[in-house]
Amino acid sequence: MVISTNTLGSGNPILFWLDVASAASSWLLPLGESEALRSGDTSQLEKLQIFSDELVGDGEYRLFIPSDAAQGPLPLVVMLHGCTQDPDDFAAGTSMNQAAASAGFAVLYPAQSRAANSQRCWNWFDTTHQQRGSGEPALLAAMTHHAMASHPIDPKRVYVAGLSAGGAMAAILGETYPDVYAAVGVHSGLAARAAGDLSTAFSAMQGRNKFSVSEPSGMPTIVFHGDADGTVHARNGAQVIEACAGGDAAVESVTLSGLSGRDATRSLHRANDGSIVAEHWVVHGASHAWSGGSRSGSFADDLGPDASAEMLRFFSERPRRPVREHEAS
């Protein structure tokens, strides 16, 4: 067992408990008073009071670090859950902890509060939460920085992924904080700023929004979307790709058969220099659920390609690129 204390903003200590004796992997969890430590209560989420030039707010997260993690800085993937979910449910349904243990990643699971959204959705459709230095993007970036400052994380290998509303917010973070996140994974989500209010959000989810890209972001992005998704139309996955790669990128597509019971089409989008800037997986017959996941969590499909493993593979190949000054403003 390892006990460590850290401070954030107010200087109040944050107590962590890490079970390094586990043969598999461990949650890194906060504990309140020493009484909780003695009782073995690890059910609490990390409560952060964020004080910065950009915002004052409350955030909660869980952090997973493999118990047999290699010495030295680890890559980190930030996982944003969908509506009605929480970090535990999302971790169970995606099996991301198991994939991360195999790939040597740490995983940060921010939790949306009911006070911020009654359905626990990230507010991707609200313009307040679509800008750098504002709302949820600033809060999530602050959580990411806190985890990086508190644990051995490689700052050049920090990534963000999400499902549905979490996928839409991941796309926003990729565009607003390219100096923090090296690549993005969007599962059954929408492009950044695909909507500006609740009315246009529903239109976008149905694939009826007007979407155009003036200049592609170039942010490396991997997308998974089921072509039978009745909640977020599969057209949105194509828009996420267009937002990062543009409409004129060279595309190579191949159909992959028999991936744990489902076929999928994988398309690679190349930049002018020949590098792959985006990877688009259309999972045939899949609905609004994490592909290749576990039914122990919600919105998860145990059939199809393993989205968690494929995202970590995509991320592993892409350390953060140099960011031009105007991209991080």
Protein backbone atom coordinates (compact mmCIF):
# COMPACT_ATOMS: atom_id res chain seq x y z
CA MET A 1 0.00 0.00 0.00
CA VAL A 2 1.22 3.48 -0.87
CA ILE A 3 -0.12 6.60 0.79
CA SER A 4 0.59 10.02 -0.66
CA THR A 5 -0.81 13.50 -0.14
CA ASN A 6 -1.22 16.25 -2.70
CA THR A 7 -2.65 19.72 -2.64
CA LEU A 8 -4.64 21.64 -5.21
CA GLY A 9 -5.62 25.30 -5.09
CA SER A 10 -6.74 25.73 -1.51
CA GLY A 11 -3.80 23.75 -0.12
CA ASN A 12 -6.06 21.13 1.43
CA PRO A 13 -4.46 17.67 1.34
CA ILE A 14 -5.87 15.01 -0.95
CA LEU A 15 -5.25 11.47 0.25
CA PHE A 16 -4.72 8.65 -2.20
CA TRP A 17 -4.76 4.92 -1.64
CA LEU A 18 -3.07 2.62 -4.13
CA ASP A 19 -3.20 -1.13 -3.77
CA VAL A 20 0.07 -2.18 -5.38
CA ALA A 21 -0.26 -5.73 -4.09
CA SER A 22 -3.00 -6.65 -6.55
CA ALA A 23 -1.90 -9.18 -9.13
CA ALA A 24 -4.01 -7.47 -11.78
CA SER A 25 -4.70 -3.74 -11.62
CA SER A 26 -5.94 -1.19 -9.14
CA TRP A 27 -8.09 1.86 -8.83
CA LEU A 28 -6.31 4.88 -7.42
CA LEU A 29 -8.92 6.27 -5.08
CA PRO A 30 -9.18 9.11 -2.59
CA LEU A 31 -10.08 8.57 0.99
CA GLY A 32 -11.42 11.11 3.42
CA GLU A 33 -10.38 10.79 7.06
CA SER A 34 -8.04 8.18 8.52
CA GLU A 35 -11.20 6.45 9.74
CA ALA A 36 -12.10 5.70 6.12
CA LEU A 37 -8.64 4.29 5.56
CA ARG A 38 -8.98 1.93 8.52
CA SER A 39 -12.42 0.81 7.36
CA GLY A 40 -11.19 0.11 3.84
CA ASP A 41 -13.83 2.42 2.32
CA THR A 42 -12.69 3.11 -1.24
CA SER A 43 -16.07 4.10 -2.61
CA GLN A 44 -15.51 7.85 -2.67
CA LEU A 45 -14.69 9.87 -5.75
CA GLU A 46 -11.89 12.39 -5.74
CA LYS A 47 -13.32 15.77 -4.86
CA LEU A 48 -11.36 18.68 -6.28
CA GLN A 49 -11.80 22.35 -5.61
CA ILE A 50 -10.41 24.04 -8.72
CA PHE A 51 -8.95 27.52 -8.27
CA SER A 52 -7.33 29.05 -11.34
CA ASP A 53 -7.40 32.11 -13.51
CA GLU A 54 -10.00 30.41 -15.69
CA LEU A 55 -12.60 29.05 -13.31
CA VAL A 56 -13.68 28.11 -9.83
CA GLY A 57 -15.61 24.86 -9.69
CA ASP A 58 -15.94 21.39 -8.27
CA GLY A 59 -14.87 18.27 -10.07
CA GLU A 60 -14.74 14.57 -9.29
CA TYR A 61 -12.75 11.82 -10.90
CA ARG A 62 -11.36 8.32 -10.53
CA LEU A 63 -7.85 7.50 -11.65
CA PHE A 64 -6.69 4.03 -12.68
CA ILE A 65 -3.01 3.08 -12.64
CA PRO A 66 -1.94 -0.50 -13.43
CA SER A 67 -0.40 -2.12 -10.37
CA ASP A 68 2.51 -3.42 -12.46
CA ALA A 69 3.05 -0.15 -14.35
CA ALA A 70 6.54 0.34 -15.71
CA GLN A 71 8.88 2.76 -14.01
CA GLY A 72 8.89 6.22 -15.52
CA PRO A 73 6.14 8.47 -16.90
CA LEU A 74 2.98 6.74 -18.15
CA PRO A 75 0.69 7.71 -21.01
CA LEU A 76 -2.75 8.87 -19.83
CA VAL A 77 -6.15 8.61 -21.47
CA VAL A 78 -9.02 10.72 -20.14
CA MET A 79 -12.32 8.84 -20.53
CA LEU A 80 -15.57 10.85 -20.63
CA HIS A 81 -18.72 8.86 -19.91
CA GLY A 82 -22.07 9.24 -21.65
CA CYS A 83 -25.41 10.42 -20.29
CA THR A 84 -26.77 8.61 -17.18
CA GLN A 85 -23.36 6.97 -16.66
CA ASP A 86 -20.67 7.47 -14.02
CA PRO A 87 -16.96 6.51 -13.94
CA ASP A 88 -17.54 3.03 -12.46
CA ASP A 89 -20.24 2.15 -14.98
CA PHE A 90 -18.19 3.51 -17.87
CA ALA A 91 -15.05 1.66 -16.80
CA ALA A 92 -17.01 -1.58 -16.54
CA GLY A 93 -18.74 -1.26 -19.91
CA THR A 94 -15.66 -0.26 -21.89
CA SER A 95 -13.26 -2.67 -20.15
CA MET A 96 -10.78 0.18 -20.53
CA ASN A 97 -8.95 -0.65 -17.30
CA GLN A 98 -8.13 -4.12 -18.59
CA ALA A 99 -6.98 -2.73 -21.94
CA ALA A 100 -4.95 -0.02 -20.19
CA ALA A 101 -3.26 -2.56 -17.93
CA SER A 102 -2.11 -4.49 -20.99
CA ALA A 103 -0.95 -1.35 -22.83
CA GLY A 104 0.62 0.38 -19.82
CA PHE A 105 -1.73 3.38 -19.68
CA ALA A 106 -3.16 5.32 -16.77
CA VAL A 107 -6.87 6.20 -17.13
CA LEU A 108 -8.64 9.26 -15.75
CA TYR A 109 -12.45 9.11 -15.45
CA PRO A 110 -14.01 12.53 -14.74
CA ALA A 111 -17.55 12.43 -13.35
CA GLN A 112 -20.29 14.79 -14.50
CA SER A 113 -22.51 15.94 -11.64
CA ARG A 114 -26.30 16.00 -11.58
CA ALA A 115 -26.08 19.64 -10.56
CA ALA A 116 -24.40 20.43 -13.89
CA ASN A 117 -26.75 18.20 -15.91
CA SER A 118 -29.67 16.21 -14.51
CA GLN A 119 -28.88 13.27 -16.82
CA ARG A 120 -25.12 13.49 -16.15
CA CYS A 121 -24.51 14.50 -19.78
CA TRP A 122 -21.52 16.65 -20.61
CA ASN A 123 -22.96 19.92 -21.95
CA TRP A 124 -21.39 19.69 -25.42
CA PHE A 125 -24.32 21.57 -27.03
CA ASP A 126 -23.98 24.70 -24.87
CA THR A 127 -21.69 27.41 -26.28
CA THR A 128 -20.50 28.16 -22.73
CA HIS A 129 -18.89 24.70 -22.75
CA GLN A 130 -17.33 24.84 -26.21
CA GLN A 131 -14.49 27.30 -25.64
CA ARG A 132 -11.02 27.20 -24.16
CA GLY A 133 -10.89 28.71 -20.67
CA SER A 134 -14.63 28.32 -20.14
CA GLY A 135 -17.02 25.86 -18.50
CA GLU A 136 -16.46 22.14 -18.74
CA PRO A 137 -13.49 22.20 -21.14
CA ALA A 138 -11.55 24.31 -18.63
CA LEU A 139 -12.66 22.10 -15.73
CA LEU A 140 -11.65 18.90 -17.54
CA ALA A 141 -8.30 20.37 -18.57
CA ALA A 142 -7.73 21.38 -14.94
CA MET A 143 -8.51 17.84 -13.77
CA THR A 144 -6.08 16.50 -16.36
CA HIS A 145 -3.35 18.86 -15.20
CA HIS A 146 -3.98 17.88 -11.59
CA ALA A 147 -3.53 14.19 -12.38
CA MET A 148 -0.38 15.00 -14.38
CA ALA A 149 1.06 17.01 -11.51
CA SER A 150 0.19 14.39 -8.88
CA HIS A 151 1.41 11.26 -10.68
CA PRO A 152 4.15 10.23 -13.12
CA ILE A 153 2.37 11.07 -16.40
CA ASP A 154 4.16 11.79 -19.67
CA PRO A 155 2.89 15.23 -20.78
CA LYS A 156 3.50 14.39 -24.44
CA ARG A 157 1.27 11.31 -24.26
CA VAL A 158 -2.05 12.53 -22.87
CA TYR A 159 -5.22 11.61 -24.79
CA VAL A 160 -8.97 12.02 -24.44
CA ALA A 161 -11.85 9.76 -25.50
CA GLY A 162 -15.54 9.50 -24.80
CA LEU A 163 -18.90 7.96 -25.59
CA SER A 164 -21.91 9.87 -26.93
CA ALA A 165 -22.06 13.19 -25.04
CA GLY A 166 -18.62 12.30 -23.69
CA GLY A 167 -17.40 11.74 -27.24
CA ALA A 168 -18.72 15.15 -28.28
CA MET A 169 -16.91 16.75 -25.34
CA ALA A 170 -13.72 14.84 -26.22
CA ALA A 171 -13.90 16.39 -29.71
CA ILE A 172 -14.25 19.83 -28.11
CA LEU A 173 -11.24 19.23 -25.86
CA GLY A 174 -9.15 18.14 -28.82
CA GLU A 175 -9.87 21.44 -30.59
CA THR A 176 -9.66 23.75 -27.57
CA TYR A 177 -6.67 22.18 -25.78
CA PRO A 178 -4.32 20.80 -28.46
CA ASP A 179 -1.43 21.74 -26.16
CA VAL A 180 -2.73 19.20 -23.61
CA TYR A 181 -4.22 16.32 -25.64
CA ALA A 182 -2.21 14.53 -28.32
CA ALA A 183 -5.10 12.66 -29.95
CA VAL A 184 -8.84 12.09 -29.56
CA GLY A 185 -11.19 9.11 -29.58
CA VAL A 186 -14.90 9.64 -30.30
CA HIS A 187 -17.34 6.74 -29.93
CA SER A 188 -20.94 7.37 -31.05
CA GLY A 189 -20.41 11.09 -30.58
CA LEU A 190 -20.56 14.37 -32.47
CA ALA A 191 -18.14 16.94 -33.85
CA ALA A 192 -17.13 19.97 -31.82
CA ARG A 193 -19.77 22.71 -32.04
CA ALA A 194 -22.17 20.49 -33.97
CA ALA A 195 -24.92 22.30 -32.04
CA GLY A 196 -25.33 25.52 -30.06
CA ASP A 197 -28.41 24.81 -27.95
CA LEU A 198 -30.82 21.99 -27.06
CA SER A 199 -32.91 22.40 -30.21
CA THR A 200 -29.97 22.15 -32.59
CA ALA A 201 -28.53 19.36 -30.44
CA PHE A 202 -31.48 17.10 -31.23
CA SER A 203 -31.24 17.98 -34.92
CA ALA A 204 -27.55 17.15 -34.90
CA MET A 205 -28.11 13.85 -33.13
CA GLN A 206 -30.61 12.92 -35.84
CA GLY A 207 -28.10 13.83 -38.54
CA ARG A 208 -30.11 16.82 -39.74
CA ASN A 209 -27.70 19.63 -38.82
CA LYS A 210 -25.90 21.87 -41.29
CA PHE A 211 -22.21 21.17 -40.78
CA SER A 212 -19.19 22.66 -42.51
CA VAL A 213 -15.49 22.96 -41.75
CA SER A 214 -13.55 26.06 -42.78
CA GLU A 215 -10.19 24.62 -41.76
CA PRO A 216 -9.58 21.09 -40.46
CA SER A 217 -7.95 20.94 -37.05
CA GLY A 218 -5.42 18.25 -37.91
CA MET A 219 -5.96 16.72 -34.47
CA PRO A 220 -5.31 12.95 -34.76
CA THR A 221 -8.70 11.32 -34.19
CA ILE A 222 -10.12 7.81 -34.12
CA VAL A 223 -13.88 7.37 -34.45
CA PHE A 224 -16.14 4.38 -33.76
CA HIS A 225 -19.82 4.51 -34.71
CA GLY A 226 -22.49 1.88 -35.27
CA ASP A 227 -24.43 2.21 -38.51
CA ALA A 228 -27.61 1.13 -36.66
CA ASP A 229 -27.26 3.84 -34.00
CA GLY A 230 -30.75 5.23 -33.37
CA THR A 231 -29.62 7.79 -30.78
CA VAL A 232 -26.77 9.60 -32.53
CA HIS A 233 -26.93 9.16 -36.32
CA ALA A 234 -23.81 7.63 -37.88
CA ARG A 235 -23.47 10.73 -40.09
CA ASN A 236 -22.03 12.43 -37.03
CA GLY A 237 -19.03 10.11 -37.04
CA ALA A 238 -18.22 11.24 -40.57
CA GLN A 239 -18.49 14.87 -39.44
CA VAL A 240 -15.98 14.26 -36.62
CA ILE A 241 -13.56 12.92 -39.22
CA GLU A 242 -14.20 15.87 -41.54
CA ALA A 243 -13.53 18.31 -38.71
CA CYS A 244 -10.04 16.93 -38.13
CA ALA A 245 -9.00 15.67 -41.58
CA GLY A 246 -11.03 17.82 -43.97
CA GLY A 247 -13.06 16.62 -46.91
CA ASP A 248 -10.18 16.25 -49.37
CA ALA A 249 -7.97 13.82 -47.45
CA ALA A 250 -6.91 10.65 -49.23
CA VAL A 251 -8.94 7.73 -47.90
CA GLU A 252 -8.20 4.00 -47.80
CA SER A 253 -11.06 1.73 -46.72
CA VAL A 254 -11.22 -1.97 -45.96
CA THR A 255 -14.06 -4.17 -44.68
CA LEU A 256 -13.09 -6.43 -41.79
CA SER A 257 -15.25 -9.51 -41.24
CA GLY A 258 -16.06 -11.58 -38.20
CA LEU A 259 -14.78 -9.26 -35.49
CA SER A 260 -16.34 -10.96 -32.48
CA GLY A 261 -19.64 -11.31 -34.30
CA ARG A 262 -19.77 -8.06 -36.28
CA ASP A 263 -18.27 -6.74 -39.51
CA ALA A 264 -16.76 -3.27 -39.68
CA THR A 265 -15.41 -0.88 -42.29
CA ARG A 266 -12.19 0.89 -41.31
CA SER A 267 -11.16 3.99 -43.26
CA LEU A 268 -7.76 5.66 -42.92
CA HIS A 269 -7.58 9.37 -43.77
CA ARG A 270 -4.16 10.65 -44.77
CA ALA A 271 -2.74 14.15 -44.63
CA ASN A 272 -0.79 15.65 -47.53
CA ASP A 273 2.46 14.26 -46.13
CA GLY A 274 1.01 10.73 -46.18
CA SER A 275 0.60 10.43 -42.41
CA ILE A 276 -2.66 9.05 -41.02
CA VAL A 277 -4.55 11.87 -39.33
CA ALA A 278 -7.82 10.03 -38.74
CA GLU A 279 -9.19 6.51 -38.49
CA HIS A 280 -12.92 5.85 -38.90
CA TRP A 281 -14.55 2.58 -37.86
CA VAL A 282 -18.16 1.99 -38.94
CA VAL A 283 -19.43 -1.05 -37.05
CA HIS A 284 -22.16 -2.75 -39.08
CA GLY A 285 -25.35 -3.59 -37.23
CA ALA A 286 -24.19 -1.91 -34.02
CA SER A 287 -26.40 0.43 -32.03
CA HIS A 288 -25.57 3.21 -29.55
CA ALA A 289 -23.05 1.21 -27.51
CA TRP A 290 -19.31 0.84 -26.93
CA SER A 291 -17.99 -1.72 -29.42
CA GLY A 292 -16.28 -4.83 -28.05
CA GLY A 293 -17.13 -3.84 -24.49
CA SER A 294 -18.68 -5.68 -21.56
CA ARG A 295 -22.34 -5.93 -20.70
CA SER A 296 -21.41 -5.41 -17.07
CA GLY A 297 -21.77 -1.71 -17.90
CA SER A 298 -24.46 0.29 -19.69
CA PHE A 299 -24.36 1.27 -23.38
CA ALA A 300 -21.86 -1.50 -24.11
CA ASP A 301 -21.88 -4.14 -26.85
CA ASP A 302 -19.77 -7.25 -26.30
CA LEU A 303 -19.78 -7.87 -30.07
CA GLY A 304 -17.65 -6.11 -32.66
CA PRO A 305 -14.09 -4.76 -32.77
CA ASP A 306 -12.51 -3.89 -29.43
CA ALA A 307 -12.80 -0.09 -29.41
CA SER A 308 -10.77 0.28 -26.21
CA ALA A 309 -7.80 -1.70 -27.52
CA GLU A 310 -7.92 0.01 -30.93
CA MET A 311 -8.04 3.48 -29.38
CA LEU A 312 -5.04 2.74 -27.16
CA ARG A 313 -3.17 1.36 -30.17
CA PHE A 314 -3.97 4.55 -32.14
CA PHE A 315 -2.91 6.74 -29.20
CA SER A 316 0.32 4.81 -28.60
CA GLU A 317 1.49 5.68 -32.10
CA ARG A 318 0.90 9.44 -31.63
CA PRO A 319 2.77 11.57 -29.11
CA ARG A 320 1.69 15.20 -28.97
CA ARG A 321 2.73 17.25 -32.00
CA PRO A 322 4.15 20.78 -31.70
CA VAL A 323 1.28 23.25 -31.38
CA ARG A 324 1.27 26.60 -33.13
CA GLU A 325 0.53 29.52 -30.83
CA HIS A 326 -2.85 30.36 -32.40
CA GLU A 327 -4.05 26.75 -31.94
CA ALA A 328 -3.80 27.01 -28.16
CA SER A 329 -5.52 30.35 -27.77
